[in-house]
Amino acid sequence: MTMPAGKYYIGDLCYVMDNEEWRELCNIIIQGEKIADGEFELPDGRRFAIYGTAYGDGEYYDQYGHTYSVDAGSIGCILMSDICAHKYDNILDLGAVQEFAEPFATGSQNGELEFGHVVIDTNPVYEDEL
């Protein structure tokens, strides 16, 4: 699957949704005792992608050095036009805003979350671990 071209917020989606929107999202991705990863649609038709992080909450980084703060154990993307971005004066402190000129793929493999050209490593290997 792919997400359509556009300007996206990438980060923990709990930061850019009100309580009702977050509840709707959770109703979609929580399936029994499992939390689903992938691309989904809210009841009103807004699309989003969401993937669990390897180590839950914390701070993660992409290859460009952007920081992603996580409080809900996941990182996702949603069109900026599908959130009330003006309500969040610190949106760039929580995640990143990226423009995609063409539809893009999302996915997760071994803790690396991919949103088009943006790769966020949630399972980093540090030098002192080697």
N, C-alpha and C. Protein backbone atom coordinates (compact mmCIF):
# COMPACT_ATOMS: atom_id res chain seq x y z
N MET A 1 0.84 -1.19 0.00
CA MET A 1 0.00 0.00 0.00
C MET A 1 0.87 1.24 0.00
N THR A 2 0.29 2.32 -0.41
CA THR A 2 1.01 3.59 -0.41
C THR A 2 0.11 4.70 0.12
N MET A 3 0.76 5.72 0.60
CA MET A 3 0.07 6.91 1.06
C MET A 3 0.12 7.93 -0.07
N PRO A 4 -0.92 8.75 -0.22
CA PRO A 4 -0.92 9.74 -1.31
C PRO A 4 0.09 10.86 -1.08
N ALA A 5 0.49 11.50 -2.16
CA ALA A 5 1.40 12.64 -2.08
C ALA A 5 0.79 13.72 -1.20
N GLY A 6 1.64 14.55 -0.60
CA GLY A 6 1.15 15.65 0.21
C GLY A 6 2.13 16.02 1.31
N LYS A 7 1.71 16.94 2.15
CA LYS A 7 2.51 17.42 3.28
C LYS A 7 2.04 16.68 4.53
N TYR A 8 2.96 15.96 5.18
CA TYR A 8 2.63 15.07 6.29
C TYR A 8 3.32 15.46 7.59
N TYR A 9 2.61 15.23 8.68
CA TYR A 9 3.22 15.20 10.01
C TYR A 9 3.68 13.77 10.21
N ILE A 10 4.92 13.59 10.64
CA ILE A 10 5.46 12.29 10.99
C ILE A 10 5.87 12.36 12.45
N GLY A 11 5.33 11.46 13.26
CA GLY A 11 5.64 11.43 14.68
C GLY A 11 4.60 10.63 15.42
N ASP A 12 4.58 10.75 16.72
CA ASP A 12 3.59 10.07 17.54
C ASP A 12 2.24 10.75 17.29
N LEU A 13 1.30 10.01 16.74
CA LEU A 13 0.02 10.61 16.35
C LEU A 13 -0.82 11.03 17.55
N CYS A 14 -0.52 10.53 18.75
CA CYS A 14 -1.28 10.96 19.93
C CYS A 14 -1.09 12.44 20.20
N TYR A 15 -0.01 13.02 19.68
CA TYR A 15 0.26 14.44 19.90
C TYR A 15 -0.59 15.35 19.02
N VAL A 16 -1.14 14.84 17.92
CA VAL A 16 -1.83 15.71 16.96
C VAL A 16 -3.29 15.32 16.75
N MET A 17 -3.82 14.53 17.68
CA MET A 17 -5.22 14.14 17.61
C MET A 17 -5.90 14.48 18.93
N ASP A 18 -7.16 14.88 18.84
CA ASP A 18 -7.90 15.11 20.08
C ASP A 18 -8.32 13.75 20.65
N ASN A 19 -8.92 13.76 21.82
CA ASN A 19 -9.26 12.50 22.50
C ASN A 19 -10.16 11.60 21.67
N GLU A 20 -11.16 12.17 21.00
CA GLU A 20 -12.09 11.36 20.20
C GLU A 20 -11.38 10.75 18.99
N GLU A 21 -10.55 11.53 18.32
CA GLU A 21 -9.80 11.01 17.17
C GLU A 21 -8.85 9.89 17.60
N TRP A 22 -8.17 10.09 18.73
CA TRP A 22 -7.24 9.08 19.22
C TRP A 22 -8.00 7.79 19.58
N ARG A 23 -9.16 7.93 20.18
CA ARG A 23 -9.98 6.77 20.52
C ARG A 23 -10.37 6.01 19.24
N GLU A 24 -10.77 6.73 18.20
CA GLU A 24 -11.11 6.09 16.93
C GLU A 24 -9.91 5.35 16.35
N LEU A 25 -8.74 5.98 16.39
CA LEU A 25 -7.52 5.35 15.89
C LEU A 25 -7.24 4.07 16.67
N CYS A 26 -7.30 4.14 17.98
CA CYS A 26 -7.03 2.96 18.82
C CYS A 26 -8.02 1.84 18.54
N ASN A 27 -9.29 2.18 18.30
CA ASN A 27 -10.29 1.17 17.97
C ASN A 27 -9.94 0.43 16.68
N ILE A 28 -9.23 1.09 15.79
CA ILE A 28 -8.83 0.48 14.52
C ILE A 28 -7.60 -0.40 14.70
N ILE A 29 -6.59 0.10 15.39
CA ILE A 29 -5.31 -0.62 15.43
C ILE A 29 -5.20 -1.66 16.54
N ILE A 30 -6.00 -1.53 17.61
CA ILE A 30 -5.94 -2.52 18.69
C ILE A 30 -6.90 -3.64 18.34
N GLN A 31 -6.31 -4.81 18.10
CA GLN A 31 -7.08 -5.97 17.67
C GLN A 31 -6.87 -7.10 18.69
N GLY A 32 -7.77 -7.16 19.66
CA GLY A 32 -7.61 -8.12 20.75
C GLY A 32 -6.44 -7.69 21.62
N GLU A 33 -5.46 -8.57 21.75
CA GLU A 33 -4.28 -8.25 22.54
C GLU A 33 -3.12 -7.82 21.65
N LYS A 34 -3.37 -7.63 20.39
CA LYS A 34 -2.34 -7.25 19.43
C LYS A 34 -2.61 -5.85 18.90
N ILE A 35 -1.54 -5.12 18.63
CA ILE A 35 -1.66 -3.80 18.03
C ILE A 35 -1.14 -3.92 16.60
N ALA A 36 -1.98 -3.55 15.66
CA ALA A 36 -1.64 -3.71 14.24
C ALA A 36 -0.78 -2.55 13.74
N ASP A 37 0.15 -2.86 12.86
CA ASP A 37 0.95 -1.88 12.14
C ASP A 37 0.41 -1.78 10.72
N GLY A 38 0.58 -0.64 10.10
CA GLY A 38 0.21 -0.52 8.70
C GLY A 38 -0.46 0.79 8.37
N GLU A 39 -1.17 0.77 7.25
CA GLU A 39 -1.90 1.94 6.77
C GLU A 39 -3.38 1.69 6.97
N PHE A 40 -4.07 2.70 7.50
CA PHE A 40 -5.47 2.56 7.89
C PHE A 40 -6.26 3.80 7.50
N GLU A 41 -7.56 3.73 7.74
CA GLU A 41 -8.45 4.85 7.47
C GLU A 41 -9.37 5.06 8.66
N LEU A 42 -9.46 6.32 9.10
CA LEU A 42 -10.41 6.67 10.16
C LEU A 42 -11.83 6.61 9.59
N PRO A 43 -12.84 6.52 10.45
CA PRO A 43 -14.22 6.44 9.96
C PRO A 43 -14.63 7.57 9.02
N ASP A 44 -14.01 8.74 9.15
CA ASP A 44 -14.35 9.87 8.27
C ASP A 44 -13.55 9.89 6.98
N GLY A 45 -12.72 8.85 6.76
CA GLY A 45 -11.97 8.74 5.51
C GLY A 45 -10.54 9.22 5.54
N ARG A 46 -10.11 9.86 6.63
CA ARG A 46 -8.71 10.31 6.72
C ARG A 46 -7.80 9.11 6.83
N ARG A 47 -6.73 9.11 6.03
CA ARG A 47 -5.79 7.99 6.04
C ARG A 47 -4.60 8.30 6.93
N PHE A 48 -4.05 7.26 7.51
CA PHE A 48 -2.84 7.39 8.32
C PHE A 48 -2.07 6.08 8.26
N ALA A 49 -0.79 6.15 8.58
CA ALA A 49 0.04 4.97 8.73
C ALA A 49 0.61 5.03 10.14
N ILE A 50 0.79 3.85 10.76
CA ILE A 50 1.30 3.82 12.13
C ILE A 50 2.05 2.52 12.36
N TYR A 51 3.18 2.62 13.07
CA TYR A 51 4.02 1.45 13.35
C TYR A 51 4.56 1.55 14.77
N GLY A 52 4.59 0.42 15.47
CA GLY A 52 5.13 0.38 16.82
C GLY A 52 6.64 0.52 16.81
N THR A 53 7.15 1.17 17.85
CA THR A 53 8.60 1.31 17.98
C THR A 53 9.17 0.06 18.65
N ALA A 54 10.45 -0.17 18.44
CA ALA A 54 11.09 -1.37 19.00
C ALA A 54 11.13 -1.34 20.53
N TYR A 55 11.29 -0.14 21.11
CA TYR A 55 11.44 -0.03 22.56
C TYR A 55 10.40 0.86 23.22
N GLY A 56 9.25 1.02 22.58
CA GLY A 56 8.18 1.80 23.21
C GLY A 56 8.45 3.28 23.21
N ASP A 57 8.17 3.91 24.34
CA ASP A 57 8.30 5.36 24.46
C ASP A 57 9.75 5.79 24.51
N GLY A 58 9.99 7.05 24.17
CA GLY A 58 11.34 7.59 24.21
C GLY A 58 11.56 8.58 23.09
N GLU A 59 12.82 8.75 22.72
CA GLU A 59 13.19 9.62 21.61
C GLU A 59 13.91 8.81 20.57
N TYR A 60 13.55 9.03 19.32
CA TYR A 60 14.16 8.32 18.21
C TYR A 60 14.57 9.34 17.16
N TYR A 61 15.44 8.93 16.23
CA TYR A 61 16.00 9.86 15.24
C TYR A 61 15.91 9.27 13.84
N ASP A 62 15.75 10.17 12.86
CA ASP A 62 15.81 9.72 11.48
C ASP A 62 17.21 10.01 10.93
N GLN A 63 17.42 9.65 9.69
CA GLN A 63 18.75 9.81 9.08
C GLN A 63 19.12 11.28 8.86
N TYR A 64 18.18 12.18 9.01
CA TYR A 64 18.44 13.62 8.85
C TYR A 64 18.69 14.31 10.18
N GLY A 65 18.60 13.55 11.29
CA GLY A 65 18.83 14.12 12.61
C GLY A 65 17.60 14.67 13.29
N HIS A 66 16.41 14.53 12.67
CA HIS A 66 15.17 14.97 13.33
C HIS A 66 14.88 14.07 14.52
N THR A 67 14.37 14.66 15.59
CA THR A 67 14.01 13.93 16.79
C THR A 67 12.51 13.65 16.79
N TYR A 68 12.14 12.43 17.20
CA TYR A 68 10.74 12.03 17.30
C TYR A 68 10.47 11.60 18.73
N SER A 69 9.69 12.39 19.46
CA SER A 69 9.31 12.05 20.82
C SER A 69 8.13 11.09 20.76
N VAL A 70 8.18 10.05 21.60
CA VAL A 70 7.13 9.04 21.57
C VAL A 70 6.59 8.82 22.97
N ASP A 71 5.25 8.92 23.11
CA ASP A 71 4.57 8.64 24.37
C ASP A 71 3.55 7.52 24.24
N ALA A 72 3.24 7.09 23.02
CA ALA A 72 2.24 6.04 22.82
C ALA A 72 2.85 4.80 22.16
N GLY A 73 4.17 4.70 22.17
CA GLY A 73 4.83 3.49 21.66
C GLY A 73 4.76 3.30 20.16
N SER A 74 4.45 4.37 19.42
CA SER A 74 4.33 4.24 17.97
C SER A 74 4.66 5.56 17.29
N ILE A 75 5.00 5.45 16.00
CA ILE A 75 5.23 6.61 15.16
C ILE A 75 4.40 6.40 13.90
N GLY A 76 3.78 7.47 13.46
CA GLY A 76 2.94 7.37 12.27
C GLY A 76 3.04 8.60 11.42
N CYS A 77 2.20 8.64 10.38
CA CYS A 77 2.12 9.83 9.54
C CYS A 77 0.67 10.07 9.15
N ILE A 78 0.35 11.34 8.99
CA ILE A 78 -0.99 11.76 8.60
C ILE A 78 -0.84 13.10 7.89
N LEU A 79 -1.68 13.34 6.89
CA LEU A 79 -1.64 14.61 6.17
C LEU A 79 -1.82 15.77 7.13
N MET A 80 -1.05 16.82 6.93
CA MET A 80 -1.19 18.02 7.76
C MET A 80 -2.60 18.59 7.64
N SER A 81 -3.21 18.48 6.48
CA SER A 81 -4.56 18.99 6.29
C SER A 81 -5.61 18.18 7.03
N ASP A 82 -5.22 17.01 7.54
CA ASP A 82 -6.14 16.14 8.28
C ASP A 82 -6.03 16.28 9.79
N ILE A 83 -5.19 17.22 10.25
CA ILE A 83 -5.08 17.50 11.68
C ILE A 83 -5.27 18.99 11.89
N CYS A 84 -5.50 19.38 13.10
CA CYS A 84 -5.60 20.81 13.44
C CYS A 84 -4.22 21.29 13.86
N ALA A 85 -3.31 21.41 12.89
CA ALA A 85 -1.92 21.74 13.20
C ALA A 85 -1.79 23.06 13.95
N HIS A 86 -2.69 24.00 13.71
CA HIS A 86 -2.60 25.29 14.39
C HIS A 86 -2.81 25.17 15.90
N LYS A 87 -3.38 24.05 16.35
CA LYS A 87 -3.58 23.83 17.79
C LYS A 87 -2.29 23.42 18.49
N TYR A 88 -1.28 23.05 17.72
CA TYR A 88 -0.07 22.48 18.29
C TYR A 88 1.11 23.39 17.97
N ASP A 89 1.42 24.31 18.88
CA ASP A 89 2.48 25.27 18.62
C ASP A 89 3.88 24.64 18.67
N ASN A 90 3.99 23.44 19.19
CA ASN A 90 5.30 22.79 19.28
C ASN A 90 5.38 21.55 18.39
N ILE A 91 4.62 21.52 17.30
CA ILE A 91 4.54 20.32 16.46
C ILE A 91 5.92 19.88 15.95
N LEU A 92 6.79 20.82 15.63
CA LEU A 92 8.11 20.46 15.12
C LEU A 92 9.05 19.98 16.23
N ASP A 93 8.70 20.23 17.48
CA ASP A 93 9.48 19.69 18.60
C ASP A 93 9.13 18.23 18.86
N LEU A 94 8.00 17.79 18.36
CA LEU A 94 7.50 16.44 18.63
C LEU A 94 7.79 15.47 17.50
N GLY A 95 7.88 15.97 16.29
CA GLY A 95 8.09 15.13 15.12
C GLY A 95 8.63 15.98 13.99
N ALA A 96 8.23 15.64 12.76
CA ALA A 96 8.71 16.38 11.59
C ALA A 96 7.56 16.56 10.62
N VAL A 97 7.69 17.55 9.78
CA VAL A 97 6.75 17.76 8.68
C VAL A 97 7.53 17.54 7.40
N GLN A 98 7.03 16.64 6.56
CA GLN A 98 7.70 16.30 5.30
C GLN A 98 6.73 16.43 4.14
N GLU A 99 7.22 16.93 3.04
CA GLU A 99 6.44 17.04 1.80
C GLU A 99 6.84 15.88 0.89
N PHE A 100 5.84 15.16 0.40
CA PHE A 100 6.06 14.06 -0.53
C PHE A 100 5.40 14.43 -1.85
N ALA A 101 6.20 14.57 -2.91
CA ALA A 101 5.69 14.98 -4.21
C ALA A 101 4.92 13.86 -4.91
N GLU A 102 5.19 12.63 -4.52
CA GLU A 102 4.54 11.47 -5.13
C GLU A 102 4.04 10.53 -4.03
N PRO A 103 3.12 9.62 -4.37
CA PRO A 103 2.71 8.62 -3.38
C PRO A 103 3.95 7.89 -2.84
N PHE A 104 3.88 7.47 -1.57
CA PHE A 104 5.05 6.85 -0.96
C PHE A 104 4.65 5.64 -0.13
N ALA A 105 5.59 4.73 0.00
CA ALA A 105 5.36 3.50 0.77
C ALA A 105 5.73 3.73 2.23
N THR A 106 5.09 2.98 3.11
CA THR A 106 5.45 2.99 4.52
C THR A 106 5.70 1.55 4.94
N GLY A 107 6.44 1.37 6.01
CA GLY A 107 6.68 0.02 6.48
C GLY A 107 7.56 -0.01 7.71
N SER A 108 7.79 -1.21 8.19
CA SER A 108 8.61 -1.42 9.38
C SER A 108 9.36 -2.73 9.24
N GLN A 109 10.66 -2.69 9.52
CA GLN A 109 11.46 -3.90 9.47
C GLN A 109 12.59 -3.78 10.47
N ASN A 110 12.66 -4.73 11.39
CA ASN A 110 13.72 -4.77 12.41
C ASN A 110 13.85 -3.46 13.18
N GLY A 111 12.74 -2.81 13.46
CA GLY A 111 12.77 -1.58 14.24
C GLY A 111 13.00 -0.33 13.43
N GLU A 112 13.23 -0.46 12.12
CA GLU A 112 13.36 0.71 11.26
C GLU A 112 12.00 1.02 10.64
N LEU A 113 11.50 2.20 10.94
CA LEU A 113 10.20 2.63 10.44
C LEU A 113 10.43 3.50 9.22
N GLU A 114 9.75 3.18 8.13
CA GLU A 114 9.95 3.91 6.87
C GLU A 114 8.68 4.64 6.46
N PHE A 115 8.86 5.90 6.17
CA PHE A 115 7.80 6.76 5.65
C PHE A 115 8.39 7.42 4.40
N GLY A 116 8.24 6.77 3.26
CA GLY A 116 8.89 7.25 2.05
C GLY A 116 10.39 7.25 2.24
N HIS A 117 11.03 8.38 2.00
CA HIS A 117 12.48 8.50 2.14
C HIS A 117 12.94 8.69 3.59
N VAL A 118 12.02 8.86 4.52
CA VAL A 118 12.36 9.08 5.93
C VAL A 118 12.43 7.73 6.64
N VAL A 119 13.58 7.44 7.25
CA VAL A 119 13.79 6.19 7.98
C VAL A 119 14.12 6.54 9.43
N ILE A 120 13.30 6.03 10.34
CA ILE A 120 13.49 6.28 11.77
C ILE A 120 13.91 4.98 12.42
N ASP A 121 15.11 4.96 12.99
CA ASP A 121 15.64 3.75 13.62
C ASP A 121 15.20 3.71 15.08
N THR A 122 14.29 2.78 15.41
CA THR A 122 13.83 2.65 16.79
C THR A 122 14.51 1.48 17.49
N ASN A 123 15.50 0.89 16.84
CA ASN A 123 16.26 -0.22 17.41
C ASN A 123 17.74 0.00 17.13
N PRO A 124 18.27 1.14 17.58
CA PRO A 124 19.66 1.48 17.24
C PRO A 124 20.66 0.60 17.98
N VAL A 125 21.80 0.42 17.32
CA VAL A 125 22.94 -0.26 17.93
C VAL A 125 23.95 0.83 18.28
N TYR A 126 24.33 0.89 19.53
CA TYR A 126 25.29 1.88 19.95
C TYR A 126 26.68 1.26 20.03
N GLU A 127 27.70 2.09 19.81
CA GLU A 127 29.07 1.60 19.76
C GLU A 127 29.46 0.80 21.00
N ASP A 128 29.01 1.22 22.18
CA ASP A 128 29.39 0.52 23.40
C ASP A 128 28.72 -0.85 23.51
N GLU A 129 27.74 -1.15 22.61
CA GLU A 129 27.11 -2.46 22.60
C GLU A 129 27.86 -3.45 21.72
N LEU A 130 28.77 -2.93 20.89
CA LEU A 130 29.49 -3.80 19.94
C LEU A 130 30.65 -4.51 20.58
